[in-house]
Amino acid sequence: MQQQEYKTYEEICLDKLREIGKSTAKEWSESLGYKTGSCLAKVIRRIKKHYSDKIIVYNTYPQRYEYRE
């Protein structure tokens, strides 16, 4: 019997970002099924803090995010 590998919500969000490519927080949250862009604000802060090696943050307005291979 295979063991299931559980992912944190941050890892699920990073996987979705990898699928959609470079995008804003609004585009990213809409791809996850949310209606507003601010839904992922806290999750994005945690990703920047704990998974900073896996995300590229562009310092333009609006900020764009990209998955780093």
C-alpha atoms as a PDB file:
ATOM      1  CA  MET A   1       0.000   0.000   0.000  1.00  0.00           C
ATOM      2  CA  GLN A   2       1.354   3.417  -0.968  1.00  0.00           C
ATOM      3  CA  GLN A   3       1.612   6.207   1.533  1.00  0.00           C
ATOM      4  CA  GLN A   4      -0.025   9.459   0.552  1.00  0.00           C
ATOM      5  CA  GLU A   5       2.196  12.483   0.470  1.00  0.00           C
ATOM      6  CA  TYR A   6       0.454  15.403   2.132  1.00  0.00           C
ATOM      7  CA  LYS A   7       1.134  18.945   0.977  1.00  0.00           C
ATOM      8  CA  THR A   8       0.745  22.188   2.858  1.00  0.00           C
ATOM      9  CA  TYR A   9      -1.553  24.818   1.399  1.00  0.00           C
ATOM     10  CA  GLU A  10       1.517  26.883   0.517  1.00  0.00           C
ATOM     11  CA  GLU A  11       2.881  23.995  -1.572  1.00  0.00           C
ATOM     12  CA  ILE A  12      -0.471  23.597  -3.326  1.00  0.00           C
ATOM     13  CA  CYS A  13      -0.447  27.317  -4.163  1.00  0.00           C
ATOM     14  CA  LEU A  14       3.127  27.085  -5.467  1.00  0.00           C
ATOM     15  CA  ASP A  15       2.144  24.153  -7.694  1.00  0.00           C
ATOM     16  CA  LYS A  16      -0.678  26.250  -9.146  1.00  0.00           C
ATOM     17  CA  LEU A  17       1.715  29.156  -9.719  1.00  0.00           C
ATOM     18  CA  ARG A  18       4.030  26.789 -11.592  1.00  0.00           C
ATOM     19  CA  GLU A  19       1.096  25.781 -13.831  1.00  0.00           C
ATOM     20  CA  ILE A  20      -0.070  29.300 -14.688  1.00  0.00           C
ATOM     21  CA  GLY A  21       3.347  30.972 -14.901  1.00  0.00           C
ATOM     22  CA  LYS A  22       4.141  34.594 -14.102  1.00  0.00           C
ATOM     23  CA  SER A  23       1.043  36.264 -12.676  1.00  0.00           C
ATOM     24  CA  THR A  24      -0.355  38.801 -10.230  1.00  0.00           C
ATOM     25  CA  ALA A  25      -1.912  37.892  -6.890  1.00  0.00           C
ATOM     26  CA  LYS A  26      -5.366  38.423  -8.408  1.00  0.00           C
ATOM     27  CA  GLU A  27      -4.715  36.056 -11.316  1.00  0.00           C
ATOM     28  CA  TRP A  28      -3.135  33.536  -8.963  1.00  0.00           C
ATOM     29  CA  SER A  29      -6.062  33.597  -6.522  1.00  0.00           C
ATOM     30  CA  GLU A  30      -8.628  33.373  -9.337  1.00  0.00           C
ATOM     31  CA  SER A  31      -6.877  30.268 -10.665  1.00  0.00           C
ATOM     32  CA  LEU A  32      -7.388  28.714  -7.229  1.00  0.00           C
ATOM     33  CA  GLY A  33     -11.106  29.521  -7.324  1.00  0.00           C
ATOM     34  CA  TYR A  34     -11.241  32.691  -5.222  1.00  0.00           C
ATOM     35  CA  LYS A  35     -13.123  35.795  -6.324  1.00  0.00           C
ATOM     36  CA  THR A  36     -10.794  38.514  -5.005  1.00  0.00           C
ATOM     37  CA  GLY A  37      -7.061  39.009  -5.169  1.00  0.00           C
ATOM     38  CA  SER A  38      -6.606  39.688  -1.479  1.00  0.00           C
ATOM     39  CA  CYS A  39      -7.587  36.154  -0.464  1.00  0.00           C
ATOM     40  CA  LEU A  40      -4.030  34.893  -0.814  1.00  0.00           C
ATOM     41  CA  ALA A  41      -2.321  37.837   0.916  1.00  0.00           C
ATOM     42  CA  LYS A  42      -1.477  35.966   4.107  1.00  0.00           C
ATOM     43  CA  VAL A  43      -0.504  32.811   2.215  1.00  0.00           C
ATOM     44  CA  ILE A  44       1.800  34.814  -0.077  1.00  0.00           C
ATOM     45  CA  ARG A  45       3.491  36.345   2.988  1.00  0.00           C
ATOM     46  CA  ARG A  46       4.103  32.865   4.400  1.00  0.00           C
ATOM     47  CA  ILE A  47       5.432  31.655   1.044  1.00  0.00           C
ATOM     48  CA  LYS A  48       7.826  34.626   0.863  1.00  0.00           C
ATOM     49  CA  LYS A  49       9.046  33.845   4.372  1.00  0.00           C
ATOM     50  CA  HIS A  50       9.327  30.039   4.294  1.00  0.00           C
ATOM     51  CA  TYR A  51       9.685  29.218   0.585  1.00  0.00           C
ATOM     52  CA  SER A  52      11.674  32.239  -0.601  1.00  0.00           C
ATOM     53  CA  ASP A  53      13.908  29.965  -2.678  1.00  0.00           C
ATOM     54  CA  LYS A  54      10.896  28.807  -4.744  1.00  0.00           C
ATOM     55  CA  ILE A  55       9.337  32.142  -5.698  1.00  0.00           C
ATOM     56  CA  ILE A  56      10.437  35.211  -7.644  1.00  0.00           C
ATOM     57  CA  VAL A  57       8.744  38.483  -6.660  1.00  0.00           C
ATOM     58  CA  TYR A  58       8.892  41.328  -9.174  1.00  0.00           C
ATOM     59  CA  ASN A  59       8.899  44.764  -7.524  1.00  0.00           C
ATOM     60  CA  THR A  60       6.581  46.489  -9.964  1.00  0.00           C
ATOM     61  CA  TYR A  61       2.998  47.511  -9.390  1.00  0.00           C
ATOM     62  CA  PRO A  62       1.051  45.267  -9.385  1.00  0.00           C
ATOM     63  CA  GLN A  63       3.539  42.765  -8.040  1.00  0.00           C
ATOM     64  CA  ARG A  64       3.980  39.695 -10.162  1.00  0.00           C
ATOM     65  CA  TYR A  65       5.006  36.304  -8.877  1.00  0.00           C
ATOM     66  CA  GLU A  66       6.765  33.485 -10.666  1.00  0.00           C
ATOM     67  CA  TYR A  67       7.759  29.980  -9.607  1.00  0.00           C
ATOM     68  CA  ARG A  68      11.517  29.457  -9.461  1.00  0.00           C
ATOM     69  CA  GLU A  69      12.692  26.046 -10.658  1.00  0.00           C
END
